[in-house]
Amino acid sequence: LKALMAQLGSPNLECRQDGAALDPAQGRASYVFNSGIAGIDETDAILLVGTNPRIEAPVINARIRERWRRGGLRVGLIGQKADLTYDHDYLGAGVESLAQLMEPSNAFHKVLKKAKQPMLLLGQGALTSGNGRAVLAMAAKLAMATGMVKGNWNGFNVLHTAAARVGALDLGFVPGPGGLDMAAILKAAGQGGLDVVYLLGADEFDMAALGNSFVIYQGTHGDAGAHRADVILPAAAYTEKSGTYVNTEGRVQMARQAVFPPGDAREDWTIIRALSGEIGKPLPFDSIHELRSLMYQDHPHLAELDSWEPADPGDIVELAKGAAAKGKKAFHMAVEDFYLTNPIARASAVMGQMSALKSGAAKATGTDG
């Protein structure tokens, strides 16, 4: 899709539907899990900022719990209070608490400073808080001040909640020169400034903000984008297509097609290739192998399957030079409903029932059975 938009001369690309303050121009270390998930086994102090990994990344949370059970681990949390399944120090709700942690006299600052391999997990709840760029800079400053980035250790970690986010950032699927970001796209669309909006599996925002723009939706399971669309291009679900994925630590993984898509649904790349031909802007590939070859030319690291190479820690040094966040704004929960986090889950009757039970549990009493 990025190639097609380039053919059409549009710089208005965006993969950060939630407005997260992440920019590939700041270097890969600014948006990946730099220690690697295995690094959790080595750390002796963890600071969670704007994240509840129990809800957002249960596998990572289980890894933290296992490390905690071995002893010798301190965990601090800034954000909404949560039951993480392990002991932790609750340090506050948001920006003000993070600023306090910058002070060398702060008790948990001393914990991080004393630790041999301290680690920070920066969640999307902090990066989408409205001043996410300044929060990112403040987190980098704290990482540098407490020895999270040193020698062969980089404990500055960003935890993602969107499966395709790291890969899209790697590809540079963000506004080009003069392009509009998510907020600007929605504003322009709402004011009638955009004729066409193309949604590639994009369902995680208020569709009413698109105003009267002509909306093309490419995706699965009839989610929010499909209900708003003027034209629907039915695509294959992840089990029905081959594809390349990049996880939160930046590890490249390849998935192979397990079953064929139903009806008229097609793999994403074939839809975009066919569309490019129909509008007189044919893309230079006719097979997934040709597409991958072009992708590997532009982004060689995507050819290194199931391998993990540390990103440049110098990116964190540069991040730390930015202006720090100010104010008292609290960080919000990036995942509000564990059972309805994606189009497939939202199309599931079982997940809908689980969500209803969970939301109703807060109102239940001990006599409800």
Protein backbone atom coordinates (compact mmCIF):
# COMPACT_ATOMS: atom_id res chain seq x y z
CA LEU A 1 0.00 0.00 0.00
CA LYS A 2 2.88 2.36 0.70
CA ALA A 3 4.15 1.78 -2.85
CA LEU A 4 0.71 2.46 -4.31
CA MET A 5 0.37 5.69 -2.33
CA ALA A 6 3.79 6.73 -3.63
CA GLN A 7 2.60 6.07 -7.19
CA LEU A 8 -0.40 8.30 -6.50
CA GLY A 9 1.76 11.03 -4.98
CA SER A 10 0.14 10.92 -1.55
CA PRO A 11 2.36 11.39 1.54
CA ASN A 12 -0.59 10.85 3.90
CA LEU A 13 0.34 7.47 5.37
CA GLU A 14 -0.31 6.40 8.95
CA CYS A 15 0.03 3.14 10.91
CA ARG A 16 -0.39 4.68 14.38
CA GLN A 17 -4.18 4.64 14.65
CA ASP A 18 -3.97 5.48 18.35
CA GLY A 19 -1.67 8.45 17.76
CA ALA A 20 1.29 6.87 19.55
CA ALA A 21 4.36 9.11 19.61
CA LEU A 22 6.65 6.71 17.77
CA ASP A 23 8.68 7.73 14.73
CA PRO A 24 11.05 5.49 12.74
CA ALA A 25 13.13 8.60 12.02
CA GLN A 26 14.21 8.45 15.68
CA GLY A 27 15.82 5.06 15.14
CA ARG A 28 14.65 1.50 15.67
CA ALA A 29 15.73 1.43 19.31
CA SER A 30 13.08 4.08 20.01
CA TYR A 31 10.21 1.68 19.30
CA VAL A 32 11.29 -1.93 19.98
CA PHE A 33 11.81 -4.15 23.02
CA ASN A 34 15.56 -3.62 23.10
CA SER A 35 16.53 -6.12 25.79
CA GLY A 36 14.69 -8.85 23.96
CA ILE A 37 11.97 -10.79 25.75
CA ALA A 38 14.66 -13.15 27.04
CA GLY A 39 16.24 -10.15 28.77
CA ILE A 40 13.47 -10.34 31.37
CA ASP A 41 15.21 -13.44 32.73
CA GLU A 42 18.34 -11.37 33.44
CA THR A 43 16.92 -8.14 34.87
CA ASP A 44 16.83 -7.33 38.58
CA ALA A 45 14.63 -4.21 38.43
CA ILE A 46 11.71 -3.35 36.15
CA LEU A 47 9.81 -0.08 35.79
CA LEU A 48 6.42 -0.34 34.05
CA VAL A 49 5.22 2.97 32.60
CA GLY A 50 1.72 3.30 31.16
CA THR A 51 1.20 -0.42 30.73
CA ASN A 52 -0.54 -3.39 32.30
CA PRO A 53 1.31 -6.32 30.73
CA ARG A 54 -1.11 -8.81 32.28
CA ILE A 55 -3.78 -7.48 29.90
CA GLU A 56 -1.65 -6.15 27.03
CA ALA A 57 0.97 -8.92 26.77
CA PRO A 58 0.13 -11.94 28.97
CA VAL A 59 3.11 -13.98 27.74
CA ILE A 60 5.52 -11.21 28.73
CA ASN A 61 3.72 -10.78 32.05
CA ALA A 62 4.09 -14.50 32.73
CA ARG A 63 7.80 -14.15 32.03
CA ILE A 64 8.05 -11.29 34.53
CA ARG A 65 6.17 -13.35 37.11
CA GLU A 66 8.50 -16.30 36.60
CA ARG A 67 11.50 -13.99 37.09
CA TRP A 68 9.87 -12.55 40.24
CA ARG A 69 9.31 -16.03 41.66
CA ARG A 70 13.05 -16.68 41.48
CA GLY A 71 13.61 -13.72 43.80
CA GLY A 72 15.83 -10.66 43.60
CA LEU A 73 13.48 -8.62 41.39
CA ARG A 74 11.90 -5.24 42.19
CA VAL A 75 9.03 -3.99 40.02
CA GLY A 76 7.62 -0.46 39.94
CA LEU A 77 4.43 0.69 38.20
CA ILE A 78 3.42 4.14 36.96
CA GLY A 79 -0.07 4.21 35.48
CA GLN A 80 -3.42 2.80 36.49
CA LYS A 81 -3.39 0.48 39.47
CA ALA A 82 -3.53 -3.18 38.50
CA ASP A 83 -3.22 -6.73 39.79
CA LEU A 84 -0.12 -7.87 37.93
CA THR A 85 0.08 -11.27 39.74
CA TYR A 86 3.37 -10.31 41.40
CA ASP A 87 4.49 -7.85 44.06
CA HIS A 88 5.27 -4.34 42.87
CA ASP A 89 5.65 -0.78 44.09
CA TYR A 90 2.88 1.51 42.88
CA LEU A 91 4.62 4.80 42.11
CA GLY A 92 1.79 6.97 40.79
CA ALA A 93 -0.59 7.58 37.92
CA GLY A 94 1.23 9.52 35.24
CA VAL A 95 3.57 12.28 34.12
CA GLU A 96 4.09 13.83 37.54
CA SER A 97 5.14 10.49 39.04
CA LEU A 98 7.56 9.85 36.19
CA ALA A 99 9.06 13.30 36.75
CA GLN A 100 9.50 12.54 40.46
CA LEU A 101 11.32 9.36 39.54
CA MET A 102 13.90 11.48 37.72
CA GLU A 103 15.11 12.81 41.07
CA PRO A 104 18.20 10.92 42.36
CA SER A 105 16.73 11.09 45.88
CA ASN A 106 13.62 9.17 44.81
CA ALA A 107 13.49 5.72 46.45
CA PHE A 108 12.76 3.76 43.27
CA HIS A 109 15.28 5.82 41.31
CA LYS A 110 17.83 4.44 43.76
CA VAL A 111 16.51 0.91 43.13
CA LEU A 112 17.04 1.31 39.39
CA LYS A 113 20.43 2.94 39.85
CA LYS A 114 21.63 0.14 42.12
CA ALA A 115 20.37 -2.65 39.86
CA LYS A 116 22.87 -4.44 37.65
CA GLN A 117 20.51 -4.72 34.69
CA PRO A 118 17.53 -2.39 35.14
CA MET A 119 14.71 -2.38 32.62
CA LEU A 120 11.89 -0.06 31.58
CA LEU A 121 8.71 -1.16 29.79
CA LEU A 122 7.06 1.84 28.15
CA GLY A 123 3.47 1.13 27.17
CA GLN A 124 1.09 2.63 24.65
CA GLY A 125 -0.96 4.10 27.50
CA ALA A 126 1.92 6.52 28.07
CA LEU A 127 2.74 7.14 24.42
CA THR A 128 -0.85 8.02 23.46
CA SER A 129 -1.44 10.34 26.40
CA GLY A 130 -1.39 13.56 24.36
CA ASN A 131 2.20 14.46 25.22
CA GLY A 132 3.63 11.10 24.24
CA ARG A 133 6.70 12.51 22.51
CA ALA A 134 7.77 14.30 25.69
CA VAL A 135 7.01 11.19 27.77
CA LEU A 136 9.20 9.17 25.40
CA ALA A 137 12.03 11.67 25.88
CA MET A 138 11.61 11.63 29.67
CA ALA A 139 11.70 7.83 29.72
CA ALA A 140 14.91 7.93 27.69
CA LYS A 141 16.41 10.45 30.12
CA LEU A 142 15.54 8.17 33.03
CA ALA A 143 17.02 5.17 31.24
CA MET A 144 20.30 6.99 30.71
CA ALA A 145 20.37 8.37 34.28
CA THR A 146 19.84 4.98 35.93
CA GLY A 147 22.16 2.85 33.81
CA MET A 148 19.55 1.05 31.73
CA VAL A 149 21.67 1.60 28.62
CA LYS A 150 25.26 0.46 29.06
CA GLY A 151 27.75 -1.90 27.46
CA ASN A 152 25.94 -4.96 26.15
CA TRP A 153 22.71 -4.12 27.96
CA ASN A 154 19.83 -1.98 26.68
CA GLY A 155 16.87 -2.07 29.05
CA PHE A 156 14.83 0.61 27.26
CA ASN A 157 11.79 -1.30 25.98
CA VAL A 158 8.63 -0.26 24.18
CA LEU A 159 5.69 -2.64 24.56
CA HIS A 160 3.28 -2.73 21.63
CA THR A 161 -0.38 -3.71 21.59
CA ALA A 162 -0.88 -3.70 17.79
CA ALA A 163 0.39 -6.82 16.02
CA ALA A 164 1.52 -5.05 12.84
CA ARG A 165 2.90 -1.85 14.39
CA VAL A 166 6.62 -2.65 14.53
CA GLY A 167 6.65 -3.99 10.98
CA ALA A 168 4.82 -0.91 9.70
CA LEU A 169 7.29 1.38 11.47
CA ASP A 170 10.15 -0.63 9.97
CA LEU A 171 8.64 -0.02 6.52
CA GLY A 172 8.26 3.68 7.25
CA PHE A 173 4.48 3.65 6.97
CA VAL A 174 4.23 7.13 8.47
CA PRO A 175 3.60 10.54 6.89
CA GLY A 176 6.06 11.55 4.22
CA PRO A 177 7.27 15.14 3.71
CA GLY A 178 4.26 17.40 4.07
CA GLY A 179 2.04 14.44 4.94
CA LEU A 180 -0.73 14.28 7.53
CA ASP A 181 -0.54 12.20 10.70
CA MET A 182 -3.54 10.44 12.25
CA ALA A 183 -4.97 13.48 14.00
CA ALA A 184 -4.49 15.65 10.92
CA ILE A 185 -6.02 13.02 8.62
CA LEU A 186 -9.15 12.81 10.75
CA LYS A 187 -9.39 16.59 11.02
CA ALA A 188 -8.98 17.05 7.26
CA ALA A 189 -11.50 14.30 6.49
CA GLY A 190 -14.02 15.76 8.92
CA GLN A 191 -13.70 19.16 7.25
CA GLY A 192 -14.09 17.75 3.75
CA GLY A 193 -10.42 18.12 2.89
CA LEU A 194 -9.84 14.50 1.84
CA ASP A 195 -11.69 12.96 -1.09
CA VAL A 196 -10.68 9.34 -0.43
CA VAL A 197 -9.54 7.45 2.68
CA TYR A 198 -8.12 3.93 2.27
CA LEU A 199 -8.40 1.75 5.37
CA LEU A 200 -6.16 -1.33 5.33
CA GLY A 201 -7.53 -3.29 8.27
CA ALA A 202 -7.92 -0.04 10.21
CA ASP A 203 -10.78 -0.30 12.70
CA GLU A 204 -9.44 1.20 15.93
CA PHE A 205 -10.74 4.77 15.75
CA ASP A 206 -14.01 6.71 15.56
CA MET A 207 -15.27 6.27 12.00
CA ALA A 208 -17.58 9.26 12.35
CA ALA A 209 -14.47 11.44 12.18
CA LEU A 210 -14.08 10.57 8.49
CA GLY A 211 -16.95 12.87 7.60
CA ASN A 212 -18.13 12.59 4.00
CA SER A 213 -14.88 11.20 2.60
CA PHE A 214 -15.18 8.26 0.21
CA VAL A 215 -13.93 5.29 2.24
CA ILE A 216 -12.34 2.14 0.82
CA TYR A 217 -12.01 -0.66 3.36
CA GLN A 218 -9.75 -3.67 2.90
CA GLY A 219 -10.07 -6.15 5.73
CA THR A 220 -11.90 -9.04 7.35
CA HIS A 221 -14.80 -9.87 9.66
CA GLY A 222 -17.02 -6.86 8.94
CA ASP A 223 -15.62 -4.66 11.68
CA ALA A 224 -16.02 -0.90 12.19
CA GLY A 225 -14.23 0.09 9.00
CA ALA A 226 -16.43 -2.17 6.88
CA HIS A 227 -19.59 -0.64 8.34
CA ARG A 228 -18.40 2.84 7.37
CA ALA A 229 -17.00 1.94 3.95
CA ASP A 230 -18.35 2.97 0.56
CA VAL A 231 -16.39 0.13 -1.06
CA ILE A 232 -15.30 -3.09 0.66
CA LEU A 233 -12.41 -5.19 -0.64
CA PRO A 234 -12.68 -8.51 1.28
CA ALA A 235 -9.27 -9.69 2.44
CA ALA A 236 -7.86 -12.88 3.93
CA ALA A 237 -7.46 -13.35 7.67
CA TYR A 238 -3.99 -14.11 9.03
CA THR A 239 -4.60 -17.88 8.85
CA GLU A 240 -5.61 -17.58 5.21
CA LYS A 241 -2.52 -15.87 3.83
CA SER A 242 1.24 -15.95 3.92
CA GLY A 243 2.92 -12.93 5.42
CA THR A 244 5.84 -11.41 7.28
CA TYR A 245 5.35 -10.19 10.83
CA VAL A 246 7.62 -8.34 13.25
CA ASN A 247 6.99 -8.78 16.98
CA THR A 248 7.41 -6.24 19.78
CA GLU A 249 11.13 -7.02 20.20
CA GLY A 250 11.75 -6.53 16.47
CA ARG A 251 12.07 -10.23 15.62
CA VAL A 252 11.00 -11.02 12.04
CA GLN A 253 8.66 -14.00 11.67
CA MET A 254 7.01 -15.56 8.64
CA ALA A 255 3.54 -17.10 8.60
CA ARG A 256 2.33 -19.50 5.93
CA GLN A 257 -1.18 -19.93 4.64
CA ALA A 258 -3.08 -22.63 6.55
CA VAL A 259 -6.43 -22.50 4.71
CA PHE A 260 -7.84 -20.68 1.71
CA PRO A 261 -9.91 -17.54 2.27
CA PRO A 262 -13.67 -17.88 1.81
CA GLY A 263 -15.74 -16.47 -1.03
CA ASP A 264 -14.23 -13.52 -2.88
CA ALA A 265 -11.66 -12.72 -0.20
CA ARG A 266 -8.07 -12.47 -1.41
CA GLU A 267 -4.62 -11.98 0.08
CA ASP A 268 -3.83 -8.32 0.77
CA TRP A 269 -0.97 -7.98 -1.69
CA THR A 270 -3.05 -9.39 -4.58
CA ILE A 271 -5.85 -6.89 -3.92
CA ILE A 272 -3.48 -3.93 -3.95
CA ARG A 273 -1.63 -5.23 -7.03
CA ALA A 274 -4.90 -5.69 -8.95
CA LEU A 275 -6.15 -2.27 -7.88
CA SER A 276 -2.92 -0.62 -9.01
CA GLY A 277 -3.42 -2.09 -12.48
CA GLU A 278 -7.04 -0.97 -12.67
CA ILE A 279 -6.14 2.66 -11.93
CA GLY A 280 -3.22 2.70 -14.36
CA LYS A 281 -0.48 2.66 -11.71
CA PRO A 282 0.72 -0.98 -11.88
CA LEU A 283 3.10 -2.00 -9.12
CA PRO A 284 6.33 -3.79 -10.16
CA PHE A 285 5.55 -7.29 -8.86
CA ASP A 286 3.25 -10.15 -9.81
CA SER A 287 3.97 -12.70 -7.10
CA ILE A 288 4.62 -12.73 -3.38
CA HIS A 289 8.20 -13.78 -4.11
CA GLU A 290 8.77 -10.70 -6.28
CA LEU A 291 7.15 -8.53 -3.62
CA ARG A 292 9.41 -9.95 -0.91
CA SER A 293 12.47 -9.47 -3.08
CA LEU A 294 11.65 -5.76 -3.43
CA MET A 295 10.94 -5.49 0.29
CA TYR A 296 14.27 -7.10 1.17
CA GLN A 297 16.11 -4.67 -1.12
CA ASP A 298 14.68 -1.69 0.76
CA HIS A 299 14.72 -3.31 4.22
CA PRO A 300 17.38 -6.07 4.35
CA HIS A 301 16.75 -6.95 8.01
CA LEU A 302 13.29 -8.27 7.09
CA ALA A 303 14.99 -11.16 5.28
CA GLU A 304 16.58 -12.34 8.54
CA LEU A 305 13.84 -14.64 9.79
CA ASP A 306 13.54 -15.54 13.49
CA SER A 307 16.73 -13.72 14.36
CA TRP A 308 17.18 -10.82 16.72
CA GLU A 309 19.83 -8.16 16.51
CA PRO A 310 20.08 -5.32 19.07
CA ALA A 311 19.18 -1.88 17.75
CA ASP A 312 21.59 1.03 18.04
CA PRO A 313 21.59 2.27 21.69
CA GLY A 314 22.69 5.64 20.34
CA ASP A 315 19.03 6.17 19.42
CA ILE A 316 18.19 6.31 23.13
CA VAL A 317 20.96 8.83 23.73
CA GLU A 318 19.42 11.08 21.08
CA LEU A 319 15.90 10.58 22.45
CA ALA A 320 17.09 11.74 25.87
CA LYS A 321 17.99 15.14 24.39
CA GLY A 322 14.31 15.93 23.80
CA ALA A 323 12.14 18.08 26.04
CA ALA A 324 10.73 16.19 29.03
CA ALA A 325 7.01 15.97 29.77
CA LYS A 326 5.39 18.34 32.24
CA GLY A 327 2.07 18.42 34.06
CA LYS A 328 0.04 15.91 36.03
CA LYS A 329 -1.75 13.99 33.29
CA ALA A 330 -2.44 10.37 34.17
CA PHE A 331 -1.69 7.54 31.77
CA HIS A 332 -4.70 5.61 30.48
CA MET A 333 -5.21 1.92 29.78
CA ALA A 334 -4.19 1.01 26.23
CA VAL A 335 -6.42 -2.08 26.30
CA GLU A 336 -9.84 -1.44 27.81
CA ASP A 337 -11.43 -4.79 26.97
CA PHE A 338 -9.17 -7.84 26.99
CA TYR A 339 -11.70 -9.93 25.07
CA LEU A 340 -12.37 -7.51 22.19
CA THR A 341 -8.95 -6.30 21.08
CA ASN A 342 -9.17 -7.10 17.35
CA PRO A 343 -11.69 -7.68 14.53
CA ILE A 344 -11.60 -11.47 14.85
CA ALA A 345 -12.31 -11.32 18.59
CA ARG A 346 -15.04 -8.72 18.09
CA ALA A 347 -16.72 -11.03 15.56
CA SER A 348 -16.74 -13.91 18.05
CA ALA A 349 -19.95 -14.62 19.97
CA VAL A 350 -17.93 -16.33 22.70
CA MET A 351 -15.61 -13.34 23.13
CA GLY A 352 -18.65 -11.08 23.22
CA GLN A 353 -20.13 -13.15 26.02
CA MET A 354 -16.85 -13.09 27.93
CA SER A 355 -16.67 -9.32 27.57
CA ALA A 356 -20.23 -8.94 28.84
CA LEU A 357 -19.52 -11.19 31.81
CA LYS A 358 -16.38 -9.24 32.64
CA SER A 359 -18.05 -5.84 32.44
CA GLY A 360 -20.98 -7.11 34.49
CA ALA A 361 -18.73 -8.58 37.16
CA ALA A 362 -18.01 -5.13 38.58
CA LYS A 363 -21.71 -4.70 39.33
CA ALA A 364 -22.27 -8.18 40.70
CA THR A 365 -22.57 -9.14 44.35
CA GLY A 366 -21.60 -12.28 46.17
CA THR A 367 -25.18 -13.53 45.83
CA ASP A 368 -25.12 -13.54 42.02
CA GLY A 369 -23.56 -17.01 41.88
